Amino acid sequence: MADESAVAPLRMVNFVSEEQLIQLKRTRGERVEDGTASRDRPLYEIMERFFKPKRFRESSSNDPNISEVVEIQSHVELNVNDIVSDPGLRKSIEEFDISIQDQVRREYLTRGPCQPIGHMYPKRTFDSCHNHARVQFESFQDQRHSVSNILRAHGRDIEVSYRTRLTAMLDVTRFLLKQGLSFRGHDESSNSLNRGNFLELLQWYSQRNEEVSKVVNQNAPGNNQMISPTIQKDLTHACASEITLSIIKDIGNNVFSLMVDESRDISVKEQMGVVLRYVNKRGQVIERFLAIVHVSDTSSRSLKDAIDALFVKHGLSLSRLRGQGYDGASNMRGEFNGLKYLILQENPYARYIHCFSHKLQLVIVAVAKSNLNASGFFNYVTMIVNTTGASCKRRDQLRQIEHDRIVAMLEGGDISTGSGKNQEINLVRPGDTRWGSHYLTLGRLLSMWPSVIQVLENICDDSSSFDSRGVAKSLIQKMENYEFVFMLHLMKMILGMTHELSLVLQQKDQNIVQAISLIESVKGQFQIFREEGWHIIIDKVNTFCEFNDIPVSEMKDNCLISGRSRRRKQVITNLHYYRVEIFYQVVDLVIQEMNTRFSEVSTELLSCIACLHPRNSFSEFNVQKLVRLCDLYPEDFSTNDCIVIEQQLQNFIHNIRQDPNFSGIEDLGSFAQKIVETLKNQAYPLVYRLIEMTLVLPVATASVERVFSAMKMIKTDLRNRMGDEWMNDSLVVYIEKDIFSTIENEQILQRFQNMKSRRMQLPPLSYPTTT
C-alpha cells in the first residue's frame, strides 16, 4: 500500500481525471463499468488502491462514484519451480497471482539473462517487442522513478523540509532562552527594520545555512511557517518540560527538601519560587529550580495550596519531604498557622531550618540598628556615598582623581602592577537588604580616602548650591574625626569576619554539618577578637590617621560621653570610651546576636548531625547519637534498622579510618561522593542513608533568591505583560542551563509534536538532518 505520509501532502492539490482512472483500471485488468461519475478523484485515493501489493474486493459504498476498497490478505506464496529461465517455456507474469507478481519479476532478475539454445530467430530491422521489454526491465530495476516511489519521495521531501524548519525554530528558541532575551518585536511586519529577536535571528540563521534557507520564511508553506507566537511558546514549554522531567527523574524515589520564597515581579504580581534540594546518584548535593507560581496572596494557606498543586502536577509526594527552608517571615515560619506548621501537620519529618544566610544578615542589622555609634556611622557612610555619586559629573570626577592618584603611586613605586590589581573602582551604594554589600563599600572608602576627600573639597569650593556645600563641609569634618576612622576600621573587620561565612553559606552544595562548623568557628573568632583585637585595631587606626594627617586622640585624655549635654556631662577617658563604650559593646552585641540567632545549633537534631563531620578522622563520631538520629526518622529507619545500624556504624568507621582514599577529607559533601565512588554505599546502605538525610537538609534559601534575580532579567519593563506560564518556562530554561545543554533536539521535538494536534506529523529520525 502506498505510504500514507507519502500521499497525504498531495490530497489537496493533485487530482486525476475520469479517463486516467479508466486507464489505470484497464492497466490492472479490472472491469470498467458504465455510468462512472465524471468528477475527478483525488490522486491519493487512486494510489491507495492501485499500489497495494494485496488482493482487493469491491463492496457497496455510500459514495456511488467510487467503490469501497476492502483489503483481503493474500496467503499465496511463490513456488520456485514455477520460475523457468527459458522465455519460451515460462508462463506469463500475468498468470501469477497479483500479490506475488513483483516477487516473480525480482526472481527472474536474480537469475539473470537466458539465451535459448537450438532456436533460430529471424533478423529484423527493428525489434519493437524486445525494445519494449528492455525498457520495462530497466524501469523495474530503477525503483527510484516508479510512481509509488515518486509519491513516497515527494512525501519524504516534505517531511525532511518540515523537520529542518522545525529544528531551525528550535535552535533559535534555544539561543534566546539561554540568553534570557525577548522573542517578540514591536513591529513584526515584513517591511519592519526590526521584527524582534526571533524573526531577526531566524533570518540571520537562514542566510548562513543554505538548507535552512530553502525551507523557512518565504520558502515555507503559507500555513506552516512555524513562526507564530503560539509555536514559540509551545517550543519553550517543550524545553522547560524536558528539563523538569529530567529533574524529577534525577530525584527518583529519594527524599528531598523544599525551599520557598515569594517576591513581586515587575507587573506587581506575587510570585512564589520553589527550589528542591536532594542528593543524586553520585552523592552530590543538588539544588534545582522547579517552578515559579503566581499566588493570589502570600498567606500560608495559599502558599500551601500552590505547593500541593505543584507536587501533584509533577508526581512528587509530600511524604518524601525531609526538610523545609524559608526566611523569617511570619507566614513562613509561624508556629501555629505558618507554612512550616501546615506542612508539619501532614509530614512531621519535614524538619524546618531557618535560612542561615538570612539569620547572619539579621545579626549585622541588629548591630547596625541597636548600637548608637554604629547606627550613626552607617548613616554618615550613606551620606558620603550619595554626595560623591549624586551626579555623573561627581562620579566621573572621583573616578579621574582616583585614576591620577594610582598612576602617581605606580610611577613612584609605592604600589606594584599585576593581574587584577589597581582596577578602576568607585564607591558602591550599600544595599538595605544585603548588609554584606556594606563590607565592599567600607573597603573602597578606605582605599579611596584621599580621592573622596578631594571630591568633597571640590564640592565645597565649586558647588552653586549652599546646601551641597554645607553638607560636603560637614562630611569632611566628620571623616577627619578620629572616632569616624575608628568605627570605619572596626566595622570593616567585623563585616569581614562575617562576609566570608555569608558567601560560603550561599553555596548550592553547602550542607548543614559544614554550616554548623563554620558558624561555631566564626563565634570563636569573635571571642578571640574581643580578647585580643583591641591592640590590633588601635594600631591600624593610628597608622591610618598619621598617613592622612588626621589628629590622633590621646587615650589618657578625658572626653565627654556622647549623647549628653554639657550641663549633664560625664567625663571619661578616651581609652574607656573607645575600648568599652564602642569596641566591647559592638563586639559583645555581635556575639550575643550570633548565639541568639543560631541557638538551634545546640538542638538535639543538629547536635546528632554534627557527629558526622569527617574532620580530624571523624574525631566527633558518636555511635549512640547517630542511632538516636535514626530514631528521629522512623519513616526511613525501621525498628530493625535502628538495631542493625549500630553495628554497621562501628564497622563503617573502622573501615573508613583504615582506607587511604578517605584521608584528608574535611567536608561531608565530598565524603558522600567518595563513598559512592568506592561503592561503600552498597556495603553500608543504612549509614549512607543517614548521610543522605543529613545532606538534604537546607542551609540557605539563596537559590530561591537567585530565581528572583533571574526573574528581573526575564520579565522586564518591556515584557511586563508576559504570561505566568511563559515566564515560568523561560525561567526554568534560563536557570537550569546545564541540564538544558544535555537535552537533545529530538526529545524536545517529539514532546512538541505530542503536545497537541499538528498540521504535520514529525516522522522518526531515520535519515540525517541538516541542522
Foldseek 3Di string as FASTA:
>chain_A
DQDCLLCVVQQVPAWDFPVVLVVLCVVVVHDDDPPADGDIDRPVVVCVPSVDLFDWDFDDDPDPNDTDTDTDHDPDDDDPVQQDQDPVPHDDLVVDDSNCSLVSLVVNVVVPHDDDPPDDDDDDPDDVVVVVVVVVNVCSVPVCPDPSNVSNVNSVVVLQLLVLLLVLLLVLLLVCLQVLHDAADPDLDPPDPDGGSSVVVSVVVCVVFVSNVCDADPNHDPVRRQRDVVSSLLLLLLLLVVLLLVVCVQCPLAAKAWEWDWDAFPLRFIKIWIWIWFAGLLLFIDIATNWIDTFPDLALVRVLVVVVVSCVVSVHDLQSAQEYEYEDDCLDPPPPGHNVNVSCVVHVRHYYDYAPLQLLLVLVVCLCPVAPLNVVLVVLLQLLQCLQPVDPVSQVQLQVVLVVVVVVCPVVVVDDDDPPPPDRDGADRDDPSDNLSVLVNLVVCLVSVVSSLVSLVCCLVDPPDPVSNVSSVVSNVVVLALSSLLSSLLVNVVSVLVNVLSVQLLDSRDFLLVNLVSLVVSLVVLVVCLVPVPVVSLVVSVVSCVVVVRDDDDQQDKDWDPPDDPVPTDIDGNVCCCSPVPVNVSSVSSSVSSCVSPVCCPPLQNLLVNQPFCPPLSPSPDLVSLLVNCVSCCVVAPPVNSVVVSVLVVVVSVVLSVDPLNPPDGHLSVVSSSCSVVVVCVVRVSVSSSSRSRSSYRHRSSVSVVLVVSLCSNCDPVNVPDDSSSSGSSSSCNVPVVSSVVDDPVSSVVSSCPPDPDPDHNDPPPDDRDD
